[in-house]
């Protein structure tokens, strides 16, 4: 995994797992890799993985079965969808709108262009 220097690695790992939940690759009750397994796979310190898992557990997206591992919680998809929508609307969308204004792209042009990405 290529990491972005502008965002903490533990949050990038959360985002990667969130995307797998939204795409359906991970579903409720699926077991996640152990902290050590994921750390080795990504080439990341296990403490960083643990921080990711704690962040997701605190948000109710995953839960821990002591001695067995971490699992995707029921309702995780809805929680992730809401969290990622809010992040997009509050962080990314204002930058897109600013760039559109600078480039003189009208709302109509944007909608026409966006429709080309449907399906």
PDB file of N, CA and C in Angstrom:
ATOM      1  N   UNK A   1       0.855  -1.184   0.000  1.00  0.00           N
ATOM      2  CA  UNK A   1       0.000   0.000   0.000  1.00  0.00           C
ATOM      3  C   UNK A   1       0.889   1.232   0.000  1.00  0.00           C
ATOM      4  N   UNK A   2       0.580   2.168  -0.877  1.00  0.00           N
ATOM      5  CA  UNK A   2       1.283   3.445  -0.931  1.00  0.00           C
ATOM      6  C   UNK A   2       0.623   4.400   0.061  1.00  0.00           C
ATOM      7  N   UNK A   3       1.426   4.978   0.941  1.00  0.00           N
ATOM      8  CA  UNK A   3       0.877   5.881   1.946  1.00  0.00           C
ATOM      9  C   UNK A   3       1.085   7.330   1.543  1.00  0.00           C
ATOM     10  N   UNK A   4       0.105   8.164   1.885  1.00  0.00           N
ATOM     11  CA  UNK A   4       0.132   9.596   1.627  1.00  0.00           C
ATOM     12  C   UNK A   4       0.795  10.278   2.822  1.00  0.00           C
ATOM     13  N   UNK A   5       1.791  11.088   2.563  1.00  0.00           N
ATOM     14  CA  UNK A   5       2.531  11.753   3.640  1.00  0.00           C
ATOM     15  C   UNK A   5       1.707  12.816   4.355  1.00  0.00           C
ATOM     16  N   UNK A   6       0.559  13.205   3.779  1.00  0.00           N
ATOM     17  CA  UNK A   6      -0.244  14.289   4.345  1.00  0.00           C
ATOM     18  C   UNK A   6      -1.351  13.817   5.285  1.00  0.00           C
ATOM     19  N   UNK A   7      -1.474  12.509   5.478  1.00  0.00           N
ATOM     20  CA  UNK A   7      -2.524  11.969   6.342  1.00  0.00           C
ATOM     21  C   UNK A   7      -1.901  10.857   7.188  1.00  0.00           C
ATOM     22  N   UNK A   8      -2.219  10.807   8.488  1.00  0.00           N
ATOM     23  CA  UNK A   8      -1.645   9.763   9.339  1.00  0.00           C
ATOM     24  C   UNK A   8      -1.909   8.360   8.778  1.00  0.00           C
ATOM     25  N   UNK A   9      -0.905   7.502   8.869  1.00  0.00           N
ATOM     26  CA  UNK A   9      -0.995   6.148   8.315  1.00  0.00           C
ATOM     27  C   UNK A   9      -2.166   5.379   8.925  1.00  0.00           C
ATOM     28  N   UNK A  10      -2.377   5.518  10.239  1.00  0.00           N
ATOM     29  CA  UNK A  10      -3.449   4.750  10.864  1.00  0.00           C
ATOM     30  C   UNK A  10      -4.811   5.118  10.273  1.00  0.00           C
ATOM     31  N   UNK A  11      -5.000   6.393   9.890  1.00  0.00           N
ATOM     32  CA  UNK A  11      -6.260   6.812   9.271  1.00  0.00           C
ATOM     33  C   UNK A  11      -6.366   6.296   7.837  1.00  0.00           C
ATOM     34  N   UNK A  12      -5.243   6.208   7.144  1.00  0.00           N
ATOM     35  CA  UNK A  12      -5.242   5.660   5.787  1.00  0.00           C
ATOM     36  C   UNK A  12      -5.606   4.174   5.813  1.00  0.00           C
ATOM     37  N   UNK A  13      -5.166   3.470   6.848  1.00  0.00           N
ATOM     38  CA  UNK A  13      -5.516   2.060   7.001  1.00  0.00           C
ATOM     39  C   UNK A  13      -7.018   1.939   7.269  1.00  0.00           C
ATOM     40  N   UNK A  14      -7.547   2.805   8.126  1.00  0.00           N
ATOM     41  CA  UNK A  14      -8.999   2.819   8.368  1.00  0.00           C
ATOM     42  C   UNK A  14      -9.746   3.045   7.066  1.00  0.00           C
ATOM     43  N   UNK A  15      -9.309   4.012   6.278  1.00  0.00           N
ATOM     44  CA  UNK A  15      -9.963   4.323   5.012  1.00  0.00           C
ATOM     45  C   UNK A  15      -9.934   3.120   4.074  1.00  0.00           C
ATOM     46  N   UNK A  16      -8.815   2.420   4.033  1.00  0.00           N
ATOM     47  CA  UNK A  16      -8.703   1.227   3.184  1.00  0.00           C
ATOM     48  C   UNK A  16      -9.731   0.172   3.607  1.00  0.00           C
ATOM     49  N   UNK A  17      -9.878  -0.033   4.905  1.00  0.00           N
ATOM     50  CA  UNK A  17     -10.855  -1.005   5.408  1.00  0.00           C
ATOM     51  C   UNK A  17     -12.274  -0.504   5.158  1.00  0.00           C
ATOM     52  N   UNK A  18     -12.504   0.798   5.337  1.00  0.00           N
ATOM     53  CA  UNK A  18     -13.823   1.375   5.057  1.00  0.00           C
ATOM     54  C   UNK A  18     -14.222   1.134   3.608  1.00  0.00           C
ATOM     55  N   UNK A  19     -13.282   1.331   2.697  1.00  0.00           N
ATOM     56  CA  UNK A  19     -13.578   1.125   1.274  1.00  0.00           C
ATOM     57  C   UNK A  19     -13.917  -0.335   0.987  1.00  0.00           C
ATOM     58  N   UNK A  20     -13.266  -1.255   1.680  1.00  0.00           N
ATOM     59  CA  UNK A  20     -13.574  -2.681   1.506  1.00  0.00           C
ATOM     60  C   UNK A  20     -14.965  -3.000   2.052  1.00  0.00           C
ATOM     61  N   UNK A  21     -15.363  -2.317   3.114  1.00  0.00           N
ATOM     62  CA  UNK A  21     -16.711  -2.500   3.663  1.00  0.00           C
ATOM     63  C   UNK A  21     -17.741  -1.968   2.672  1.00  0.00           C
ATOM     64  N   UNK A  22     -17.501  -0.776   2.133  1.00  0.00           N
ATOM     65  CA  UNK A  22     -18.461  -0.173   1.198  1.00  0.00           C
ATOM     66  C   UNK A  22     -18.566  -0.962  -0.105  1.00  0.00           C
ATOM     67  N   UNK A  23     -17.458  -1.541  -0.552  1.00  0.00           N
ATOM     68  CA  UNK A  23     -17.476  -2.304  -1.806  1.00  0.00           C
ATOM     69  C   UNK A  23     -18.073  -3.696  -1.629  1.00  0.00           C
ATOM     70  N   UNK A  24     -18.240  -4.119  -0.374  1.00  0.00           N
ATOM     71  CA  UNK A  24     -18.783  -5.450  -0.113  1.00  0.00           C
ATOM     72  C   UNK A  24     -17.726  -6.521   0.044  1.00  0.00           C
ATOM     73  N   UNK A  25     -16.460  -6.159  -0.081  1.00  0.00           N
ATOM     74  CA  UNK A  25     -15.383  -7.135   0.127  1.00  0.00           C
ATOM     75  C   UNK A  25     -15.337  -7.599   1.585  1.00  0.00           C
ATOM     76  N   UNK A  26     -15.731  -6.715   2.500  1.00  0.00           N
ATOM     77  CA  UNK A  26     -15.849  -7.070   3.919  1.00  0.00           C
ATOM     78  C   UNK A  26     -17.301  -6.850   4.334  1.00  0.00           C
ATOM     79  N   UNK A  27     -17.864  -7.848   4.974  1.00  0.00           N
ATOM     80  CA  UNK A  27     -19.264  -7.792   5.412  1.00  0.00           C
ATOM     81  C   UNK A  27     -19.343  -7.993   6.923  1.00  0.00           C
ATOM     82  N   UNK A  28     -20.516  -7.723   7.484  1.00  0.00           N
ATOM     83  CA  UNK A  28     -20.740  -7.920   8.919  1.00  0.00           C
ATOM     84  C   UNK A  28     -20.324  -9.333   9.316  1.00  0.00           C
ATOM     85  N   UNK A  29     -19.634  -9.415  10.412  1.00  0.00           N
ATOM     86  CA  UNK A  29     -19.138 -10.661  11.017  1.00  0.00           C
ATOM     87  C   UNK A  29     -17.910 -11.251  10.324  1.00  0.00           C
ATOM     88  N   UNK A  30     -17.391 -10.593   9.276  1.00  0.00           N
ATOM     89  CA  UNK A  30     -16.130 -11.047   8.685  1.00  0.00           C
ATOM     90  C   UNK A  30     -14.998 -10.736   9.655  1.00  0.00           C
ATOM     91  N   UNK A  31     -14.038 -11.647   9.729  1.00  0.00           N
ATOM     92  CA  UNK A  31     -12.880 -11.463  10.607  1.00  0.00           C
ATOM     93  C   UNK A  31     -11.806 -10.688   9.863  1.00  0.00           C
ATOM     94  N   UNK A  32     -11.229  -9.708  10.546  1.00  0.00           N
ATOM     95  CA  UNK A  32     -10.104  -8.957   9.998  1.00  0.00           C
ATOM     96  C   UNK A  32      -8.810  -9.715  10.263  1.00  0.00           C
ATOM     97  N   UNK A  33      -7.785  -9.396   9.492  1.00  0.00           N
ATOM     98  CA  UNK A  33      -6.469  -9.963   9.778  1.00  0.00           C
ATOM     99  C   UNK A  33      -6.055  -9.539  11.179  1.00  0.00           C
ATOM    100  N   UNK A  34      -5.231 -10.355  11.816  1.00  0.00           N
ATOM    101  CA  UNK A  34      -4.722  -9.977  13.140  1.00  0.00           C
ATOM    102  C   UNK A  34      -3.855  -8.728  12.999  1.00  0.00           C
ATOM    103  N   UNK A  35      -3.604  -8.071  14.104  1.00  0.00           N
ATOM    104  CA  UNK A  35      -2.766  -6.872  14.117  1.00  0.00           C
ATOM    105  C   UNK A  35      -1.407  -7.185  13.499  1.00  0.00           C
ATOM    106  N   UNK A  36      -0.819  -8.294  13.910  1.00  0.00           N
ATOM    107  CA  UNK A  36       0.503  -8.676  13.378  1.00  0.00           C
ATOM    108  C   UNK A  36       0.443  -9.018  11.896  1.00  0.00           C
ATOM    109  N   UNK A  37      -0.583  -9.792  11.489  1.00  0.00           N
ATOM    110  CA  UNK A  37      -0.710 -10.179  10.082  1.00  0.00           C
ATOM    111  C   UNK A  37      -0.844  -8.960   9.175  1.00  0.00           C
ATOM    112  N   UNK A  38      -1.706  -8.022   9.550  1.00  0.00           N
ATOM    113  CA  UNK A  38      -1.904  -6.831   8.730  1.00  0.00           C
ATOM    114  C   UNK A  38      -0.651  -5.957   8.737  1.00  0.00           C
ATOM    115  N   UNK A  39       0.018  -5.892   9.889  1.00  0.00           N
ATOM    116  CA  UNK A  39       1.263  -5.127   9.980  1.00  0.00           C
ATOM    117  C   UNK A  39       2.316  -5.656   9.020  1.00  0.00           C
ATOM    118  N   UNK A  40       2.458  -6.974   8.975  1.00  0.00           N
ATOM    119  CA  UNK A  40       3.420  -7.597   8.058  1.00  0.00           C
ATOM    120  C   UNK A  40       3.000  -7.354   6.617  1.00  0.00           C
ATOM    121  N   UNK A  41       1.719  -7.542   6.323  1.00  0.00           N
ATOM    122  CA  UNK A  41       1.213  -7.370   4.957  1.00  0.00           C
ATOM    123  C   UNK A  41       1.454  -5.952   4.434  1.00  0.00           C
ATOM    124  N   UNK A  42       1.249  -4.954   5.301  1.00  0.00           N
ATOM    125  CA  UNK A  42       1.386  -3.559   4.881  1.00  0.00           C
ATOM    126  C   UNK A  42       2.778  -2.989   5.134  1.00  0.00           C
ATOM    127  N   UNK A  43       3.606  -3.731   5.873  1.00  0.00           N
ATOM    128  CA  UNK A  43       4.926  -3.221   6.220  1.00  0.00           C
ATOM    129  C   UNK A  43       4.856  -2.074   7.205  1.00  0.00           C
ATOM    130  N   UNK A  44       3.934  -2.210   8.166  1.00  0.00           N
ATOM    131  CA  UNK A  44       3.657  -1.149   9.138  1.00  0.00           C
ATOM    132  C   UNK A  44       3.826  -1.710  10.546  1.00  0.00           C
ATOM    133  N   UNK A  45       4.248  -0.865  11.458  1.00  0.00           N
ATOM    134  CA  UNK A  45       4.400  -1.251  12.858  1.00  0.00           C
ATOM    135  C   UNK A  45       3.052  -1.726  13.412  1.00  0.00           C
ATOM    136  N   UNK A  46       3.031  -2.835  14.146  1.00  0.00           N
ATOM    137  CA  UNK A  46       1.780  -3.323  14.734  1.00  0.00           C
ATOM    138  C   UNK A  46       1.064  -2.283  15.609  1.00  0.00           C
ATOM    139  N   UNK A  47       1.822  -1.379  16.234  1.00  0.00           N
ATOM    140  CA  UNK A  47       1.184  -0.332  17.046  1.00  0.00           C
ATOM    141  C   UNK A  47       0.309   0.584  16.183  1.00  0.00           C
ATOM    142  N   UNK A  48       0.730   0.802  14.946  1.00  0.00           N
ATOM    143  CA  UNK A  48      -0.055   1.625  14.022  1.00  0.00           C
ATOM    144  C   UNK A  48      -1.349   0.907  13.655  1.00  0.00           C
ATOM    145  N   UNK A  49      -1.244  -0.402  13.405  1.00  0.00           N
ATOM    146  CA  UNK A  49      -2.433  -1.196  13.092  1.00  0.00           C
ATOM    147  C   UNK A  49      -3.379  -1.181  14.291  1.00  0.00           C
ATOM    148  N   UNK A  50      -2.820  -1.343  15.483  1.00  0.00           N
ATOM    149  CA  UNK A  50      -3.642  -1.346  16.696  1.00  0.00           C
ATOM    150  C   UNK A  50      -4.383  -0.021  16.850  1.00  0.00           C
ATOM    151  N   UNK A  51      -3.713   1.072  16.512  1.00  0.00           N
ATOM    152  CA  UNK A  51      -4.359   2.383  16.603  1.00  0.00           C
ATOM    153  C   UNK A  51      -5.527   2.465  15.613  1.00  0.00           C
ATOM    154  N   UNK A  52      -5.338   1.909  14.412  1.00  0.00           N
ATOM    155  CA  UNK A  52      -6.424   1.867  13.422  1.00  0.00           C
ATOM    156  C   UNK A  52      -7.598   1.070  13.961  1.00  0.00           C
ATOM    157  N   UNK A  53      -7.309  -0.111  14.490  1.00  0.00           N
ATOM    158  CA  UNK A  53      -8.371  -0.973  15.009  1.00  0.00           C
ATOM    159  C   UNK A  53      -9.088  -0.316  16.182  1.00  0.00           C
ATOM    160  N   UNK A  54      -8.353   0.352  17.057  1.00  0.00           N
ATOM    161  CA  UNK A  54      -8.981   1.044  18.193  1.00  0.00           C
ATOM    162  C   UNK A  54      -9.881   2.169  17.713  1.00  0.00           C
ATOM    163  N   UNK A  55      -9.434   2.892  16.703  1.00  0.00           N
ATOM    164  CA  UNK A  55     -10.231   3.985  16.142  1.00  0.00           C
ATOM    165  C   UNK A  55     -11.546   3.445  15.580  1.00  0.00           C
ATOM    166  N   UNK A  56     -11.451   2.339  14.822  1.00  0.00           N
ATOM    167  CA  UNK A  56     -12.656   1.750  14.235  1.00  0.00           C
ATOM    168  C   UNK A  56     -13.551   1.121  15.299  1.00  0.00           C
ATOM    169  N   UNK A  57     -12.938   0.547  16.328  1.00  0.00           N
ATOM    170  CA  UNK A  57     -13.728  -0.046  17.406  1.00  0.00           C
ATOM    171  C   UNK A  57     -14.474   1.042  18.175  1.00  0.00           C
ATOM    172  N   UNK A  58     -13.814   2.154  18.449  1.00  0.00           N
ATOM    173  CA  UNK A  58     -14.456   3.266  19.146  1.00  0.00           C
ATOM    174  C   UNK A  58     -15.614   3.856  18.346  1.00  0.00           C
ATOM    175  N   UNK A  59     -15.537   3.731  17.006  1.00  0.00           N
ATOM    176  CA  UNK A  59     -16.610   4.233  16.143  1.00  0.00           C
ATOM    177  C   UNK A  59     -17.721   3.203  15.954  1.00  0.00           C
ATOM    178  N   UNK A  60     -17.545   1.994  16.495  1.00  0.00           N
ATOM    179  CA  UNK A  60     -18.560   0.954  16.386  1.00  0.00           C
ATOM    180  C   UNK A  60     -18.531   0.194  15.073  1.00  0.00           C
ATOM    181  N   UNK A  61     -17.465   0.336  14.322  1.00  0.00           N
ATOM    182  CA  UNK A  61     -17.360  -0.294  13.007  1.00  0.00           C
ATOM    183  C   UNK A  61     -16.835  -1.727  13.115  1.00  0.00           C
ATOM    184  N   UNK A  62     -15.970  -1.962  14.067  1.00  0.00           N
ATOM    185  CA  UNK A  62     -15.479  -3.316  14.319  1.00  0.00           C
ATOM    186  C   UNK A  62     -15.614  -3.602  15.807  1.00  0.00           C
ATOM    187  N   UNK A  63     -15.509  -4.877  16.159  1.00  0.00           N
ATOM    188  CA  UNK A  63     -15.509  -5.246  17.571  1.00  0.00           C
ATOM    189  C   UNK A  63     -14.503  -6.379  17.769  1.00  0.00           C
ATOM    190  N   UNK A  64     -14.097  -6.547  19.007  1.00  0.00           N
ATOM    191  CA  UNK A  64     -13.083  -7.527  19.357  1.00  0.00           C
ATOM    192  C   UNK A  64     -13.712  -8.692  20.107  1.00  0.00           C
ATOM    193  N   UNK A  65     -13.458  -9.909  19.618  1.00  0.00           N
ATOM    194  CA  UNK A  65     -13.794 -11.112  20.374  1.00  0.00           C
ATOM    195  C   UNK A  65     -12.484 -11.527  21.031  1.00  0.00           C
ATOM    196  N   UNK A  66     -12.425 -11.318  22.306  1.00  0.00           N
ATOM    197  CA  UNK A  66     -11.184 -11.553  23.047  1.00  0.00           C
ATOM    198  C   UNK A  66     -10.610 -12.939  22.738  1.00  0.00           C
ATOM    199  N   UNK A  67      -9.351 -12.934  22.335  1.00  0.00           N
ATOM    200  CA  UNK A  67      -8.650 -14.173  22.044  1.00  0.00           C
ATOM    201  C   UNK A  67      -8.915 -14.727  20.654  1.00  0.00           C
ATOM    202  N   UNK A  68      -9.868 -14.132  19.931  1.00  0.00           N
ATOM    203  CA  UNK A  68     -10.205 -14.634  18.596  1.00  0.00           C
ATOM    204  C   UNK A  68      -9.807 -13.631  17.518  1.00  0.00           C
ATOM    205  N   UNK A  69     -10.111 -12.353  17.742  1.00  0.00           N
ATOM    206  CA  UNK A  69      -9.746 -11.326  16.767  1.00  0.00           C
ATOM    207  C   UNK A  69     -10.782 -10.246  16.621  1.00  0.00           C
ATOM    208  N   UNK A  70     -10.581  -9.437  15.610  1.00  0.00           N
ATOM    209  CA  UNK A  70     -11.477  -8.319  15.317  1.00  0.00           C
ATOM    210  C   UNK A  70     -12.405  -8.681  14.178  1.00  0.00           C
ATOM    211  N   UNK A  71     -13.663  -8.232  14.297  1.00  0.00           N
ATOM    212  CA  UNK A  71     -14.699  -8.557  13.332  1.00  0.00           C
ATOM    213  C   UNK A  71     -15.459  -7.301  12.927  1.00  0.00           C
ATOM    214  N   UNK A  72     -16.020  -7.331  11.718  1.00  0.00           N
ATOM    215  CA  UNK A  72     -16.855  -6.232  11.243  1.00  0.00           C
ATOM    216  C   UNK A  72     -18.188  -6.291  11.988  1.00  0.00           C
ATOM    217  N   UNK A  73     -18.595  -5.170  12.542  1.00  0.00           N
ATOM    218  CA  UNK A  73     -19.831  -5.095  13.322  1.00  0.00           C
ATOM    219  C   UNK A  73     -21.055  -5.021  12.413  1.00  0.00           C
ATOM    220  N   UNK A  74     -22.196  -5.478  12.940  1.00  0.00           N
ATOM    221  CA  UNK A  74     -23.479  -5.291  12.262  1.00  0.00           C
ATOM    222  C   UNK A  74     -23.704  -3.780  12.136  1.00  0.00           C
ATOM    223  N   UNK A  75     -24.176  -3.343  11.005  1.00  0.00           N
ATOM    224  CA  UNK A  75     -24.435  -1.915  10.801  1.00  0.00           C
ATOM    225  C   UNK A  75     -23.203  -1.106  10.451  1.00  0.00           C
ATOM    226  N   UNK A  76     -22.058  -1.770  10.309  1.00  0.00           N
ATOM    227  CA  UNK A  76     -20.815  -1.059  10.013  1.00  0.00           C
ATOM    228  C   UNK A  76     -20.891  -0.310   8.684  1.00  0.00           C
ATOM    229  N   UNK A  77     -21.532  -0.924   7.696  1.00  0.00           N
ATOM    230  CA  UNK A  77     -21.606  -0.294   6.372  1.00  0.00           C
ATOM    231  C   UNK A  77     -22.291   1.067   6.461  1.00  0.00           C
ATOM    232  N   UNK A  78     -23.404   1.143   7.193  1.00  0.00           N
ATOM    233  CA  UNK A  78     -24.116   2.417   7.331  1.00  0.00           C
ATOM    234  C   UNK A  78     -23.273   3.445   8.077  1.00  0.00           C
ATOM    235  N   UNK A  79     -22.574   3.007   9.128  1.00  0.00           N
ATOM    236  CA  UNK A  79     -21.711   3.919   9.881  1.00  0.00           C
ATOM    237  C   UNK A  79     -20.593   4.462   8.999  1.00  0.00           C
ATOM    238  N   UNK A  80     -19.969   3.572   8.235  1.00  0.00           N
ATOM    239  CA  UNK A  80     -18.877   3.979   7.347  1.00  0.00           C
ATOM    240  C   UNK A  80     -19.395   4.926   6.274  1.00  0.00           C
ATOM    241  N   UNK A  81     -20.538   4.587   5.683  1.00  0.00           N
ATOM    242  CA  UNK A  81     -21.119   5.426   4.636  1.00  0.00           C
ATOM    243  C   UNK A  81     -21.375   6.837   5.160  1.00  0.00           C
ATOM    244  N   UNK A  82     -21.973   6.942   6.325  1.00  0.00           N
ATOM    245  CA  UNK A  82     -22.243   8.264   6.911  1.00  0.00           C
ATOM    246  C   UNK A  82     -20.954   9.013   7.219  1.00  0.00           C
ATOM    247  N   UNK A  83     -19.979   8.316   7.788  1.00  0.00           N
ATOM    248  CA  UNK A  83     -18.715   8.964   8.136  1.00  0.00           C
ATOM    249  C   UNK A  83     -17.983   9.463   6.894  1.00  0.00           C
ATOM    250  N   UNK A  84     -17.926   8.625   5.863  1.00  0.00           N
ATOM    251  CA  UNK A  84     -17.205   9.011   4.648  1.00  0.00           C
ATOM    252  C   UNK A  84     -17.946  10.103   3.875  1.00  0.00           C
ATOM    253  N   UNK A  85     -19.289  10.079   3.892  1.00  0.00           N
ATOM    254  CA  UNK A  85     -20.056  11.157   3.253  1.00  0.00           C
ATOM    255  C   UNK A  85     -19.773  12.481   3.953  1.00  0.00           C
ATOM    256  N   UNK A  86     -19.819  12.461   5.290  1.00  0.00           N
ATOM    257  CA  UNK A  86     -19.558  13.686   6.039  1.00  0.00           C
ATOM    258  C   UNK A  86     -18.149  14.211   5.785  1.00  0.00           C
ATOM    259  N   UNK A  87     -17.184  13.309   5.745  1.00  0.00           N
ATOM    260  CA  UNK A  87     -15.797  13.724   5.477  1.00  0.00           C
ATOM    261  C   UNK A  87     -15.695  14.344   4.086  1.00  0.00           C
ATOM    262  N   UNK A  88     -16.342  13.726   3.099  1.00  0.00           N
ATOM    263  CA  UNK A  88     -16.314  14.260   1.733  1.00  0.00           C
ATOM    264  C   UNK A  88     -16.965  15.631   1.678  1.00  0.00           C
ATOM    265  N   UNK A  89     -18.164  15.755   2.260  1.00  0.00           N
ATOM    266  CA  UNK A  89     -18.907  17.016   2.207  1.00  0.00           C
ATOM    267  C   UNK A  89     -18.169  18.134   2.937  1.00  0.00           C
ATOM    268  N   UNK A  90     -17.544  17.807   4.069  1.00  0.00           N
ATOM    269  CA  UNK A  90     -16.894  18.844   4.873  1.00  0.00           C
ATOM    270  C   UNK A  90     -15.445  19.124   4.495  1.00  0.00           C
ATOM    271  N   UNK A  91     -14.763  18.154   3.894  1.00  0.00           N
ATOM    272  CA  UNK A  91     -13.338  18.340   3.610  1.00  0.00           C
ATOM    273  C   UNK A  91     -13.014  18.439   2.119  1.00  0.00           C
ATOM    274  N   UNK A  92     -13.540  17.515   1.343  1.00  0.00           N
ATOM    275  CA  UNK A  92     -13.148  17.442  -0.064  1.00  0.00           C
ATOM    276  C   UNK A  92     -14.015  18.300  -0.976  1.00  0.00           C
ATOM    277  N   UNK A  93     -15.311  18.280  -0.772  1.00  0.00           N
ATOM    278  CA  UNK A  93     -16.226  19.006  -1.660  1.00  0.00           C
ATOM    279  C   UNK A  93     -15.939  20.511  -1.700  1.00  0.00           C
ATOM    280  N   UNK A  94     -15.673  21.163  -0.566  1.00  0.00           N
ATOM    281  CA  UNK A  94     -15.361  22.594  -0.646  1.00  0.00           C
ATOM    282  C   UNK A  94     -14.146  22.888  -1.542  1.00  0.00           C
ATOM    283  N   UNK A  95     -13.174  21.985  -1.550  1.00  0.00           N
ATOM    284  CA  UNK A  95     -12.004  22.171  -2.415  1.00  0.00           C
ATOM    285  C   UNK A  95     -12.382  22.005  -3.883  1.00  0.00           C
ATOM    286  N   UNK A  96     -13.261  21.041  -4.166  1.00  0.00           N
ATOM    287  CA  UNK A  96     -13.724  20.822  -5.544  1.00  0.00           C
ATOM    288  C   UNK A  96     -14.486  22.056  -6.029  1.00  0.00           C
ATOM    289  N   UNK A  97     -15.368  22.579  -5.195  1.00  0.00           N
ATOM    290  CA  UNK A  97     -16.166  23.755  -5.573  1.00  0.00           C
ATOM    291  C   UNK A  97     -15.266  24.962  -5.802  1.00  0.00           C
ATOM    292  N   UNK A  98     -14.282  25.139  -4.937  1.00  0.00           N
ATOM    293  CA  UNK A  98     -13.336  26.249  -5.097  1.00  0.00           C
ATOM    294  C   UNK A  98     -12.595  26.130  -6.426  1.00  0.00           C
ATOM    295  N   UNK A  99     -12.145  24.918  -6.741  1.00  0.00           N
ATOM    296  CA  UNK A  99     -11.415  24.682  -7.994  1.00  0.00           C
ATOM    297  C   UNK A  99     -12.329  24.913  -9.197  1.00  0.00           C
ATOM    298  N   UNK A 100     -13.590  24.490  -9.104  1.00  0.00           N
ATOM    299  CA  UNK A 100     -14.554  24.721 -10.186  1.00  0.00           C
ATOM    300  C   UNK A 100     -14.717  26.213 -10.446  1.00  0.00           C
ATOM    301  N   UNK A 101     -14.838  26.997  -9.368  1.00  0.00           N
ATOM    302  CA  UNK A 101     -15.000  28.441  -9.520  1.00  0.00           C
ATOM    303  C   UNK A 101     -13.768  29.052 -10.174  1.00  0.00           C
ATOM    304  N   UNK A 102     -12.582  28.620  -9.739  1.00  0.00           N
ATOM    305  CA  UNK A 102     -11.344  29.148 -10.322  1.00  0.00           C
ATOM    306  C   UNK A 102     -11.229  28.828 -11.816  1.00  0.00           C
ATOM    307  N   UNK A 103     -11.718  27.660 -12.197  1.00  0.00           N
ATOM    308  CA  UNK A 103     -11.622  27.222 -13.595  1.00  0.00           C
ATOM    309  C   UNK A 103     -12.831  27.629 -14.430  1.00  0.00           C
ATOM    310  N   UNK A 104     -13.812  28.244 -13.786  1.00  0.00           N
ATOM    311  CA  UNK A 104     -14.995  28.691 -14.513  1.00  0.00           C
ATOM    312  C   UNK A 104     -15.896  27.555 -14.959  1.00  0.00           C
ATOM    313  N   UNK A 105     -15.898  26.461 -14.196  1.00  0.00           N
ATOM    314  CA  UNK A 105     -16.758  25.319 -14.518  1.00  0.00           C
ATOM    315  C   UNK A 105     -18.112  25.547 -13.861  1.00  0.00           C
ATOM    316  N   UNK A 106     -19.153  25.602 -14.681  1.00  0.00           N
ATOM    317  CA  UNK A 106     -20.497  25.836 -14.148  1.00  0.00           C
ATOM    318  C   UNK A 106     -21.042  24.542 -13.533  1.00  0.00           C
ATOM    319  N   UNK A 107     -22.067  24.693 -12.726  1.00  0.00           N
ATOM    320  CA  UNK A 107     -22.728  23.540 -12.122  1.00  0.00           C
ATOM    321  C   UNK A 107     -23.273  22.625 -13.212  1.00  0.00           C
ATOM    322  N   UNK A 108     -23.840  23.228 -14.261  1.00  0.00           N
ATOM    323  CA  UNK A 108     -24.396  22.445 -15.366  1.00  0.00           C
ATOM    324  C   UNK A 108     -23.299  21.629 -16.062  1.00  0.00           C
ATOM    325  N   UNK A 109     -22.133  22.275 -16.314  1.00  0.00           N
ATOM    326  CA  UNK A 109     -21.017  21.561 -16.936  1.00  0.00           C
ATOM    327  C   UNK A 109     -20.575  20.390 -16.055  1.00  0.00           C
ATOM    328  N   UNK A 110     -20.501  20.654 -14.770  1.00  0.00           N
ATOM    329  CA  UNK A 110     -20.073  19.615 -13.841  1.00  0.00           C
ATOM    330  C   UNK A 110     -21.041  18.433 -13.853  1.00  0.00           C
ATOM    331  N   UNK A 111     -22.334  18.729 -13.824  1.00  0.00           N
ATOM    332  CA  UNK A 111     -23.350  17.668 -13.823  1.00  0.00           C
ATOM    333  C   UNK A 111     -23.263  16.853 -15.107  1.00  0.00           C
ATOM    334  N   UNK A 112     -23.113  17.532 -16.236  1.00  0.00           N
ATOM    335  CA  UNK A 112     -22.978  16.827 -17.511  1.00  0.00           C
ATOM    336  C   UNK A 112     -21.756  15.917 -17.493  1.00  0.00           C
ATOM    337  N   UNK A 113     -20.655  16.428 -17.007  1.00  0.00           N
ATOM    338  CA  UNK A 113     -19.422  15.649 -16.930  1.00  0.00           C
ATOM    339  C   UNK A 113     -19.581  14.470 -15.961  1.00  0.00           C
ATOM    340  N   UNK A 114     -20.194  14.736 -14.802  1.00  0.00           N
ATOM    341  CA  UNK A 114     -20.380  13.689 -13.788  1.00  0.00           C
ATOM    342  C   UNK A 114     -21.269  12.567 -14.303  1.00  0.00           C
ATOM    343  N   UNK A 115     -22.261  12.898 -15.114  1.00  0.00           N
ATOM    344  CA  UNK A 115     -23.159  11.878 -15.666  1.00  0.00           C
ATOM    345  C   UNK A 115     -22.393  10.882 -16.532  1.00  0.00           C
ATOM    346  N   UNK A 116     -21.271  11.305 -17.092  1.00  0.00           N
ATOM    347  CA  UNK A 116     -20.440  10.424 -17.889  1.00  0.00           C
ATOM    348  C   UNK A 116     -19.772   9.338 -17.069  1.00  0.00           C
ATOM    349  N   UNK A 117     -19.722   9.516 -15.759  1.00  0.00           N
ATOM    350  CA  UNK A 117     -19.108   8.525 -14.862  1.00  0.00           C
ATOM    351  C   UNK A 117     -20.121   7.540 -14.295  1.00  0.00           C
ATOM    352  N   UNK A 118     -21.403   7.753 -14.530  1.00  0.00           N
ATOM    353  CA  UNK A 118     -22.420   6.831 -14.026  1.00  0.00           C
ATOM    354  C   UNK A 118     -22.310   5.507 -14.748  1.00  0.00           C
ATOM    355  N   UNK A 119     -22.638   4.444 -14.007  1.00  0.00           N
ATOM    356  CA  UNK A 119     -22.592   3.064 -14.522  1.00  0.00           C
ATOM    357  C   UNK A 119     -21.205   2.675 -14.677  1.00  0.00           C
TER     358      UNK A 119
END
